[in-house]
Amino acid sequence: MKRKWEAKLKQIEERASYYERKPLSSVYRPRLSKPEEPPSIWKLFHRQTQAFNFVKSCKEDVHVFALECKVGDGQRTYLVTTYAQLWFYYKSRRNLLHCYEVIPENAVCKLYFDLEFNRLANPGADGKKMVALLIEHVCKALQEFYRVSCSAEDVLNLDSSTDEKFSRHLIFQLHDVAFKDNIHVGVYTRNRNFRLYKSSKIGKYVALEIAEDNRFYPIQLKNISKENQYFLSSLVSNVRFSDTLRILTYDIPQNKQKRLEYFNHTSTSVETIEGFQCSPYPEIDQFVLSLVNKNGIKGGIRRWNYFFPEELLVYDICKYRWCENIGRAHKSNNIMILVDLKNEVWYQKCHDPVCKAENFKSDCFPLPTEVCLLFLLKEEEFTTDKATNNESKNPHEPSSSESSKGTFSDADWDNGIDDAYILEATEDAELIEAAENSLLSYNGMDEIPDELIMEVLQE
């Protein structure tokens, strides 16, 4: 018995020595005493897919950002947080110097351009005049093809030019108008990274700032600074759903002759039921179809739009006009089915002018368990794990007991594990606090230390 106590005492002394060299961060406590600080949601991931899966499982209004952390290797770490949380730490420009908005695939977004040319290779080029001319032509095209009126005063013009390169970002701030997604904007493809206002590329020292010829000025709101307004305006995927929002599309027919078309909420044209393109959630598509195929009526999905800030799928329905507001079917106006992915509910709105004037929204109904995101994510993980287990195992690989990090036996615990592994099992709140403290204290540096990233990611 005495030997056991001596061994335990020695183990405690060793741990005390370890914590003196590497002290634990303070335990996270809600910031109730500082109401100006936003709720603490701050998660880092190695992979973009992991970050978006976390967003799907999170009830808060969070978004994905990419952080450049190390010169030369091209790798990025993905941060999930709220707009308010990011701005709270981002506005000081002491840390988080190289940040990008990750524009979600299939999400409704603003029209935007990334413009640049080499000054040495184009000595006679006048960048300002070229930008002004582009804005003029785009505004004319928006008026001609979509009947959207705009001017240079509706374009946030950001500049990060150097002596060697002319570089601009243009983000159109169209009133109650947005594009269906990135592909319909025609600039980039899926989940592309778009540098944030005030950020520079890693290894560079020129950040995106308001261009001197910028003519866009955001409407000032209470409790939101002018700089914060510019920041929110610069976010391409920061588009909220509203009944009056028009969704523009850019269509490339099979004959490759490009043409433009638009859909607005009063359009009466109907696509074939079999012809609609599936949303990112086919299980939810099928559930919505089941709602509008009943009582002898065969309804369909005319089109869908996805609003990333609210995690909201909006389905325009055709050939099924039952409206809960009036207790019968509308004679000509179609309805909408809206699926709130965060709260796992659905409800009905409609395009009828009277219902819209009343701001009608039906009661919320729960989604079936089998189409809820957490259930679908678990199914996806199970399928992936099963496929992985079915693959032939390399005889030279360590056994699962050896390679499973964070799984320990009683004997391992009694023998004294390296406390670094214990730290990895700390609650998320403590890891978040550690990340924030480290970021705020890491002043004057251009990159986030690898140790911090590994500490937060290993759970």
Protein backbone atom coordinates (compact mmCIF):
# COMPACT_ATOMS: atom_id res chain seq x y z
CA MET A 1 0.00 0.00 0.00
CA LYS A 2 2.83 2.38 0.90
CA ARG A 3 4.51 1.76 -2.45
CA LYS A 4 1.29 2.58 -4.29
CA TRP A 5 0.98 5.89 -2.43
CA GLU A 6 4.60 6.73 -3.17
CA ALA A 7 4.06 5.94 -6.83
CA LYS A 8 0.93 8.10 -6.89
CA LEU A 9 2.73 10.95 -5.15
CA LYS A 10 5.53 10.79 -7.69
CA GLN A 11 3.00 10.82 -10.54
CA ILE A 12 1.28 13.89 -9.06
CA GLU A 13 4.60 15.69 -8.69
CA GLU A 14 5.47 14.91 -12.31
CA ARG A 15 2.13 16.26 -13.47
CA ALA A 16 2.52 19.39 -11.35
CA SER A 17 5.91 19.94 -12.96
CA TYR A 18 4.38 19.47 -16.41
CA TYR A 19 1.61 22.03 -15.76
CA GLU A 20 4.16 24.53 -14.47
CA ARG A 21 5.93 24.26 -17.82
CA LYS A 22 2.72 24.12 -19.90
CA PRO A 23 -0.15 25.65 -17.89
CA LEU A 24 -3.76 24.97 -18.82
CA SER A 25 -5.88 27.78 -20.19
CA SER A 26 -8.50 29.26 -17.93
CA VAL A 27 -11.85 27.48 -17.94
CA TYR A 28 -14.33 29.03 -20.35
CA ARG A 29 -17.12 31.06 -18.75
CA PRO A 30 -20.00 32.76 -20.58
CA ARG A 31 -19.33 36.47 -21.01
CA LEU A 32 -22.49 37.68 -19.32
CA SER A 33 -20.62 40.61 -17.83
CA LYS A 34 -19.61 41.87 -21.29
CA PRO A 35 -22.75 42.13 -23.42
CA GLU A 36 -20.80 43.79 -26.25
CA GLU A 37 -19.00 40.52 -26.96
CA PRO A 38 -20.79 38.03 -29.25
CA PRO A 39 -21.48 34.39 -28.27
CA SER A 40 -18.33 32.30 -28.45
CA ILE A 41 -18.49 29.95 -31.43
CA TRP A 42 -15.02 29.38 -32.82
CA LYS A 43 -14.10 26.06 -34.44
CA LEU A 44 -11.09 25.27 -36.62
CA PHE A 45 -10.91 22.39 -39.10
CA HIS A 46 -8.26 20.93 -41.37
CA ARG A 47 -10.74 20.20 -44.16
CA GLN A 48 -13.46 22.27 -45.79
CA THR A 49 -15.92 19.36 -45.74
CA GLN A 50 -15.56 19.01 -41.98
CA ALA A 51 -16.27 22.70 -41.53
CA PHE A 52 -19.46 22.60 -43.63
CA ASN A 53 -20.64 19.45 -41.85
CA PHE A 54 -20.25 21.27 -38.54
CA VAL A 55 -22.26 24.21 -39.92
CA LYS A 56 -25.06 21.82 -40.84
CA SER A 57 -25.14 20.42 -37.31
CA CYS A 58 -24.97 23.83 -35.60
CA LYS A 59 -28.14 25.69 -34.65
CA GLU A 60 -26.42 29.08 -34.57
CA ASP A 61 -26.02 31.34 -37.61
CA VAL A 62 -22.43 30.36 -38.42
CA HIS A 63 -20.33 30.57 -41.60
CA VAL A 64 -17.13 29.12 -43.02
CA PHE A 65 -13.96 31.16 -43.51
CA ALA A 66 -10.51 30.08 -44.71
CA LEU A 67 -7.31 31.18 -42.98
CA GLU A 68 -3.90 31.17 -44.65
CA CYS A 69 -1.45 30.12 -41.99
CA LYS A 70 1.90 29.23 -43.55
CA VAL A 71 3.83 30.66 -46.46
CA GLY A 72 4.57 28.32 -49.35
CA ASP A 73 2.55 25.19 -48.62
CA GLY A 74 -0.78 26.48 -49.97
CA GLN A 75 -2.73 24.87 -47.13
CA ARG A 76 -5.57 26.64 -45.38
CA THR A 77 -7.34 26.11 -42.09
CA TYR A 78 -11.12 26.50 -42.03
CA LEU A 79 -12.80 28.56 -39.33
CA VAL A 80 -16.50 28.29 -38.44
CA THR A 81 -17.92 31.24 -36.54
CA THR A 82 -20.59 33.95 -36.74
CA TYR A 83 -20.21 37.21 -38.64
CA ALA A 84 -20.34 39.11 -35.34
CA GLN A 85 -17.76 36.88 -33.65
CA LEU A 86 -15.33 37.14 -36.55
CA TRP A 87 -15.68 40.93 -36.79
CA PHE A 88 -15.15 41.31 -33.02
CA TYR A 89 -11.63 39.89 -33.34
CA TYR A 90 -10.99 40.78 -36.99
CA LYS A 91 -11.60 44.53 -36.75
CA SER A 92 -8.42 45.26 -34.77
CA ARG A 93 -6.26 43.82 -37.61
CA ARG A 94 -3.76 42.54 -35.05
CA ASN A 95 -4.40 38.91 -35.99
CA LEU A 96 -6.35 37.01 -38.65
CA LEU A 97 -4.53 38.93 -41.37
CA HIS A 98 -5.11 36.52 -44.26
CA CYS A 99 -8.79 35.51 -44.31
CA TYR A 100 -11.18 34.40 -47.05
CA GLU A 101 -14.93 33.95 -47.26
CA VAL A 102 -15.82 30.44 -48.41
CA ILE A 103 -18.74 30.93 -50.79
CA PRO A 104 -20.97 27.86 -50.33
CA GLU A 105 -21.87 25.75 -53.33
CA ASN A 106 -25.50 26.14 -54.46
CA ALA A 107 -26.07 29.15 -52.17
CA VAL A 108 -27.79 32.34 -53.37
CA CYS A 109 -25.11 35.02 -53.70
CA LYS A 110 -24.30 38.51 -54.92
CA LEU A 111 -22.81 39.36 -58.30
CA TYR A 112 -19.07 39.86 -57.88
CA PHE A 113 -15.84 40.18 -59.88
CA ASP A 114 -12.15 39.58 -59.16
CA LEU A 115 -10.19 41.81 -61.56
CA GLU A 116 -6.44 42.04 -62.08
CA PHE A 117 -3.72 42.60 -64.67
CA ASN A 118 0.07 42.91 -64.70
CA ARG A 119 1.09 46.55 -64.96
CA LEU A 120 4.49 45.81 -66.52
CA ALA A 121 2.91 43.72 -69.28
CA ASN A 122 0.22 46.38 -69.89
CA PRO A 123 2.01 49.74 -69.59
CA GLY A 124 -0.73 51.72 -71.32
CA ALA A 125 -3.67 50.26 -69.37
CA ASP A 126 -5.69 52.64 -67.19
CA GLY A 127 -7.14 50.41 -64.47
CA LYS A 128 -9.60 52.93 -63.09
CA LYS A 129 -11.12 53.66 -66.49
CA MET A 130 -11.33 49.95 -67.27
CA VAL A 131 -13.17 49.28 -64.00
CA ALA A 132 -15.57 52.17 -64.63
CA LEU A 133 -16.24 50.86 -68.15
CA LEU A 134 -16.87 47.32 -66.88
CA ILE A 135 -19.32 48.55 -64.25
CA GLU A 136 -21.13 50.61 -66.91
CA HIS A 137 -21.48 47.63 -69.26
CA VAL A 138 -22.58 45.24 -66.49
CA CYS A 139 -25.22 47.71 -65.33
CA LYS A 140 -26.51 48.02 -68.91
CA ALA A 141 -26.65 44.23 -69.25
CA LEU A 142 -28.52 43.87 -65.95
CA GLN A 143 -31.07 46.40 -67.18
CA GLU A 144 -31.39 44.84 -70.65
CA PHE A 145 -31.66 41.17 -69.68
CA TYR A 146 -33.07 41.28 -66.13
CA ARG A 147 -34.72 44.73 -65.92
CA VAL A 148 -32.53 45.54 -62.89
CA SER A 149 -31.58 49.19 -62.47
CA CYS A 150 -28.20 49.90 -60.89
CA SER A 151 -25.14 52.14 -61.18
CA ALA A 152 -21.62 52.51 -59.80
CA GLU A 153 -23.21 53.66 -56.53
CA ASP A 154 -24.43 50.07 -56.08
CA VAL A 155 -20.97 48.50 -56.45
CA LEU A 156 -18.56 48.07 -53.55
CA ASN A 157 -15.15 48.71 -55.13
CA LEU A 158 -12.17 47.24 -53.19
CA ASP A 159 -8.53 47.75 -54.13
CA SER A 160 -5.35 45.80 -53.35
CA SER A 161 -3.17 47.03 -56.20
CA THR A 162 0.64 47.20 -56.10
CA ASP A 163 3.25 48.74 -58.40
CA GLU A 164 3.42 45.40 -60.24
CA LYS A 165 -0.25 44.37 -60.33
CA PHE A 166 -3.61 46.10 -60.60
CA SER A 167 -6.15 44.25 -58.43
CA ARG A 168 -9.80 45.02 -57.65
CA HIS A 169 -12.81 43.24 -56.15
CA LEU A 170 -16.27 44.41 -57.20
CA ILE A 171 -19.33 43.30 -55.19
CA PHE A 172 -22.72 44.44 -56.53
CA GLN A 173 -25.21 45.50 -53.83
CA LEU A 174 -28.43 45.04 -55.79
CA HIS A 175 -31.65 45.88 -53.95
CA ASP A 176 -33.85 42.77 -53.55
CA VAL A 177 -31.93 40.98 -56.31
CA ALA A 178 -29.37 38.16 -56.15
CA PHE A 179 -28.13 35.28 -58.26
CA LYS A 180 -29.12 31.65 -57.73
CA ASP A 181 -25.55 30.55 -56.97
CA ASN A 182 -21.90 30.82 -57.98
CA ILE A 183 -22.35 28.99 -61.26
CA HIS A 184 -25.09 31.37 -62.39
CA VAL A 185 -22.83 34.30 -61.52
CA GLY A 186 -20.29 32.73 -63.96
CA VAL A 187 -17.15 33.76 -61.94
CA TYR A 188 -16.18 30.79 -59.82
CA THR A 189 -17.28 27.24 -59.11
CA ARG A 190 -18.03 25.34 -55.92
CA ASN A 191 -17.04 26.53 -52.43
CA ARG A 192 -14.55 29.08 -53.71
CA ASN A 193 -12.46 31.28 -51.41
CA PHE A 194 -12.87 35.05 -51.84
CA ARG A 195 -10.50 37.30 -49.89
CA LEU A 196 -12.10 39.36 -47.12
CA TYR A 197 -12.17 43.12 -46.92
CA LYS A 198 -9.09 44.28 -44.95
CA SER A 199 -7.20 41.00 -45.58
CA SER A 200 -3.99 40.47 -47.55
CA LYS A 201 -2.59 37.37 -49.18
CA ILE A 202 -0.06 35.58 -47.02
CA GLY A 203 3.44 36.81 -47.72
CA LYS A 204 1.97 40.07 -49.05
CA TYR A 205 1.40 43.31 -47.20
CA VAL A 206 -1.30 44.98 -49.32
CA ALA A 207 -4.81 44.43 -47.96
CA LEU A 208 -8.14 44.93 -49.72
CA GLU A 209 -9.23 48.47 -48.92
CA ILE A 210 -11.94 50.81 -50.16
CA ALA A 211 -10.84 52.04 -53.59
CA GLU A 212 -10.42 55.79 -54.00
CA ASP A 213 -12.91 55.71 -56.89
CA ASN A 214 -15.47 53.68 -54.89
CA ARG A 215 -18.94 55.25 -55.05
CA PHE A 216 -20.84 52.81 -52.82
CA TYR A 217 -21.69 53.94 -49.28
CA PRO A 218 -23.64 51.56 -47.01
CA ILE A 219 -26.73 52.74 -45.18
CA GLN A 220 -25.74 53.51 -41.60
CA LEU A 221 -27.54 51.40 -39.00
CA LYS A 222 -27.70 51.82 -35.26
CA ASN A 223 -25.08 49.94 -33.23
CA ILE A 224 -23.15 48.94 -36.37
CA SER A 225 -20.05 50.89 -37.27
CA LYS A 226 -19.31 52.08 -40.80
CA GLU A 227 -16.39 49.65 -41.09
CA ASN A 228 -18.59 46.77 -39.99
CA GLN A 229 -21.16 47.77 -42.62
CA TYR A 230 -18.49 47.68 -45.32
CA PHE A 231 -17.38 44.27 -44.05
CA LEU A 232 -20.93 42.85 -44.15
CA SER A 233 -21.50 44.36 -47.61
CA SER A 234 -18.33 42.70 -48.91
CA LEU A 235 -19.55 39.19 -47.99
CA VAL A 236 -20.73 37.58 -51.22
CA SER A 237 -22.96 34.95 -49.60
CA ASN A 238 -24.54 37.36 -47.11
CA VAL A 239 -27.94 37.30 -48.83
CA ARG A 240 -31.07 36.92 -46.71
CA PHE A 241 -34.39 35.50 -47.86
CA SER A 242 -37.34 37.81 -48.35
CA ASP A 243 -40.65 37.52 -50.18
CA THR A 244 -39.64 40.32 -52.54
CA LEU A 245 -36.20 38.94 -53.44
CA ARG A 246 -35.74 38.16 -57.13
CA ILE A 247 -33.41 35.30 -58.01
CA LEU A 248 -31.53 35.72 -61.31
CA THR A 249 -30.19 32.85 -63.37
CA TYR A 250 -27.72 32.60 -66.23
CA ASP A 251 -28.60 29.75 -68.57
CA ILE A 252 -26.33 27.99 -71.07
CA PRO A 253 -28.50 25.87 -73.41
CA GLN A 254 -27.30 22.62 -74.93
CA ASN A 255 -26.56 24.32 -78.25
CA LYS A 256 -23.94 26.42 -76.42
CA GLN A 257 -25.52 29.70 -77.54
CA LYS A 258 -25.49 31.76 -74.40
CA ARG A 259 -28.64 33.52 -73.37
CA LEU A 260 -29.89 35.15 -70.19
CA GLU A 261 -33.22 34.62 -68.50
CA TYR A 262 -34.70 35.57 -65.18
CA PHE A 263 -37.32 34.22 -62.84
CA ASN A 264 -39.32 36.49 -60.55
CA HIS A 265 -42.00 35.70 -58.03
CA THR A 266 -44.88 36.67 -60.35
CA SER A 267 -43.79 34.49 -63.27
CA THR A 268 -46.46 32.07 -64.51
CA SER A 269 -44.22 29.82 -66.62
CA VAL A 270 -43.88 26.26 -65.32
CA GLU A 271 -41.02 23.86 -65.91
CA THR A 272 -41.77 20.17 -66.33
CA ILE A 273 -42.02 18.33 -63.03
CA GLU A 274 -39.46 15.79 -64.16
CA GLY A 275 -37.04 18.47 -65.29
CA PHE A 276 -36.15 20.30 -62.08
CA GLN A 277 -32.58 20.06 -60.87
CA CYS A 278 -32.17 18.37 -57.51
CA SER A 279 -31.15 20.48 -54.54
CA PRO A 280 -28.12 19.53 -52.39
CA TYR A 281 -30.59 17.56 -50.23
CA PRO A 282 -32.44 15.04 -52.44
CA GLU A 283 -34.10 13.42 -49.41
CA ILE A 284 -35.73 16.74 -48.56
CA ASP A 285 -36.71 17.18 -52.23
CA GLN A 286 -38.60 13.89 -52.05
CA PHE A 287 -40.27 14.91 -48.80
CA VAL A 288 -41.45 18.19 -50.35
CA LEU A 289 -42.77 16.31 -53.36
CA SER A 290 -44.75 14.07 -51.00
CA LEU A 291 -46.39 17.19 -49.51
CA VAL A 292 -47.69 18.36 -52.90
CA ASN A 293 -48.71 14.98 -54.28
CA LYS A 294 -51.92 14.13 -52.44
CA ASN A 295 -55.71 14.23 -52.66
CA GLY A 296 -55.52 13.40 -56.34
CA ILE A 297 -53.32 16.42 -57.13
CA LYS A 298 -49.92 15.82 -58.68
CA GLY A 299 -47.83 18.84 -57.82
CA GLY A 300 -44.13 19.34 -58.43
CA ILE A 301 -41.08 21.44 -57.70
CA ARG A 302 -40.65 24.28 -60.16
CA ARG A 303 -37.31 25.42 -58.75
CA TRP A 304 -35.40 25.70 -55.48
CA ASN A 305 -33.10 28.30 -53.93
CA TYR A 306 -30.74 27.91 -50.99
CA PHE A 307 -30.01 30.76 -48.55
CA PHE A 308 -26.87 29.93 -46.61
CA PRO A 309 -27.13 32.57 -43.83
CA GLU A 310 -30.45 31.11 -42.66
CA GLU A 311 -29.77 27.53 -43.83
CA LEU A 312 -33.07 27.85 -45.66
CA LEU A 313 -34.29 25.89 -48.70
CA VAL A 314 -37.07 27.67 -50.60
CA TYR A 315 -39.11 25.54 -53.02
CA ASP A 316 -41.37 27.13 -55.63
CA ILE A 317 -44.22 24.69 -56.20
CA CYS A 318 -46.12 24.13 -59.44
CA LYS A 319 -49.56 22.54 -60.07
CA TYR A 320 -50.38 22.57 -56.34
CA ARG A 321 -51.81 25.81 -54.95
CA TRP A 322 -53.37 24.89 -51.60
CA CYS A 323 -52.86 27.77 -49.17
CA GLU A 324 -53.39 27.43 -45.43
CA ASN A 325 -54.13 31.15 -45.17
CA ILE A 326 -57.36 31.00 -47.18
CA GLY A 327 -58.13 27.33 -46.55
CA ARG A 328 -58.34 26.48 -50.25
CA ALA A 329 -56.27 26.49 -53.43
CA HIS A 330 -55.41 29.78 -55.11
CA LYS A 331 -56.86 30.10 -58.60
CA SER A 332 -53.63 31.14 -60.30
CA ASN A 333 -50.89 32.06 -57.81
CA ASN A 334 -48.42 29.39 -56.74
CA ILE A 335 -47.17 28.60 -53.26
CA MET A 336 -43.76 28.10 -51.65
CA ILE A 337 -42.58 25.42 -49.26
CA LEU A 338 -39.75 26.65 -47.02
CA VAL A 339 -37.53 24.20 -45.15
CA ASP A 340 -35.61 25.59 -42.17
CA LEU A 341 -32.64 23.23 -41.90
CA LYS A 342 -31.36 24.66 -38.61
CA ASN A 343 -34.64 24.30 -36.72
CA GLU A 344 -35.69 21.20 -38.70
CA VAL A 345 -39.13 22.52 -39.58
CA TRP A 346 -41.04 23.41 -42.74
CA TYR A 347 -43.78 25.94 -43.45
CA GLN A 348 -45.75 27.40 -46.35
CA LYS A 349 -45.83 30.87 -47.91
CA CYS A 350 -47.27 31.93 -51.23
CA HIS A 351 -46.93 34.38 -54.12
CA ASP A 352 -50.49 35.68 -53.87
CA PRO A 353 -50.44 39.50 -53.45
CA VAL A 354 -53.00 39.44 -50.62
CA CYS A 355 -51.11 36.76 -48.68
CA LYS A 356 -47.83 38.61 -49.24
CA ALA A 357 -49.40 41.89 -48.06
CA GLU A 358 -50.51 40.11 -44.87
CA ASN A 359 -46.98 38.67 -44.54
CA PHE A 360 -48.62 35.27 -44.23
CA LYS A 361 -46.60 32.34 -42.97
CA SER A 362 -48.20 29.03 -42.03
CA ASP A 363 -47.59 27.14 -38.82
CA CYS A 364 -44.24 25.35 -38.60
CA PHE A 365 -44.26 21.57 -38.87
CA PRO A 366 -41.36 19.28 -37.88
CA LEU A 367 -39.36 17.51 -40.54
CA PRO A 368 -39.43 13.72 -40.45
CA THR A 369 -36.42 12.29 -38.64
CA GLU A 370 -35.13 10.56 -41.75
CA VAL A 371 -34.62 13.87 -43.59
CA CYS A 372 -33.11 15.85 -40.69
CA LEU A 373 -29.51 16.90 -41.23
CA LEU A 374 -28.07 15.23 -38.15
CA PHE A 375 -29.65 11.94 -39.19
CA LEU A 376 -28.35 12.31 -42.75
CA LEU A 377 -24.86 13.17 -41.50
CA LYS A 378 -24.84 10.10 -39.26
CA GLU A 379 -25.98 7.97 -42.19
CA GLU A 380 -23.19 9.43 -44.32
CA GLU A 381 -20.59 8.76 -41.61
CA PHE A 382 -21.87 5.19 -41.16
CA THR A 383 -21.68 4.53 -44.90
CA THR A 384 -18.18 5.99 -45.09
CA ASP A 385 -16.98 3.99 -42.09
CA LYS A 386 -18.49 0.81 -43.49
CA ALA A 387 -16.82 1.34 -46.86
CA THR A 388 -13.50 2.02 -45.14
CA ASN A 389 -13.76 -1.14 -43.03
CA ASN A 390 -14.51 -3.23 -46.11
CA GLU A 391 -11.30 -2.16 -47.81
CA SER A 392 -8.36 -4.56 -47.68
CA LYS A 393 -6.09 -3.74 -44.74
CA ASN A 394 -2.36 -3.16 -45.25
CA PRO A 395 -0.53 -5.78 -43.13
CA HIS A 396 2.12 -3.20 -42.28
CA GLU A 397 -0.41 -0.77 -40.77
CA PRO A 398 -0.73 -0.66 -36.96
CA SER A 399 -3.76 -2.30 -35.37
CA SER A 400 -6.85 -0.25 -34.57
CA SER A 401 -6.00 -0.31 -30.87
CA GLU A 402 -2.60 1.17 -31.64
CA SER A 403 -3.79 3.79 -34.11
CA SER A 404 -6.97 4.96 -32.33
CA LYS A 405 -5.89 8.20 -30.75
CA GLY A 406 -7.71 9.10 -27.55
CA THR A 407 -8.77 5.51 -26.68
CA PHE A 408 -7.08 4.24 -23.51
CA SER A 409 -7.42 1.23 -21.22
CA ASP A 410 -7.47 1.33 -17.41
CA ALA A 411 -3.91 0.05 -17.43
CA ASP A 412 -2.82 2.93 -19.64
CA TRP A 413 -4.39 5.42 -17.25
CA ASP A 414 -2.78 3.88 -14.19
CA ASN A 415 0.59 3.83 -15.91
CA GLY A 416 0.38 7.58 -16.48
CA ILE A 417 -0.49 8.91 -19.95
CA ASP A 418 1.30 11.86 -21.45
CA ASP A 419 -0.86 14.78 -20.35
CA ALA A 420 -0.85 16.17 -23.88
CA TYR A 421 -3.47 13.54 -24.70
CA ILE A 422 -5.56 14.57 -21.72
CA LEU A 423 -5.56 18.14 -23.01
CA GLU A 424 -6.93 16.90 -26.33
CA ALA A 425 -10.00 15.61 -24.51
CA THR A 426 -10.78 19.02 -22.99
CA GLU A 427 -14.28 20.34 -23.64
CA ASP A 428 -14.89 22.38 -26.78
CA ALA A 429 -15.53 25.51 -24.78
CA GLU A 430 -12.09 25.38 -23.24
CA LEU A 431 -10.49 24.77 -26.62
CA ILE A 432 -12.32 27.74 -28.05
CA GLU A 433 -11.13 29.92 -25.19
CA ALA A 434 -7.57 28.71 -25.66
CA ALA A 435 -7.74 29.52 -29.36
CA GLU A 436 -9.08 33.01 -28.72
CA ASN A 437 -6.49 33.78 -26.04
CA SER A 438 -3.66 32.53 -28.22
CA LEU A 439 -4.86 34.48 -31.24
CA LEU A 440 -5.21 37.70 -29.29
CA SER A 441 -1.78 37.35 -27.68
CA TYR A 442 -0.04 36.43 -30.92
CA ASN A 443 0.53 40.03 -31.98
CA GLY A 444 2.69 41.21 -34.82
CA MET A 445 2.95 37.86 -36.58
CA ASP A 446 1.70 37.01 -40.07
CA GLU A 447 0.68 33.41 -39.38
CA ILE A 448 -1.20 31.41 -36.80
CA PRO A 449 1.22 29.03 -35.04
CA ASP A 450 0.96 25.35 -35.97
CA GLU A 451 0.82 24.44 -32.27
CA LEU A 452 -2.38 26.43 -31.82
CA ILE A 453 -4.03 24.83 -34.84
CA MET A 454 -3.15 21.31 -33.72
CA GLU A 455 -4.29 22.04 -30.15
CA VAL A 456 -7.74 23.15 -31.31
CA LEU A 457 -8.23 20.55 -34.02
CA GLN A 458 -7.36 17.47 -31.98
CA GLU A 459 -10.54 16.52 -30.15
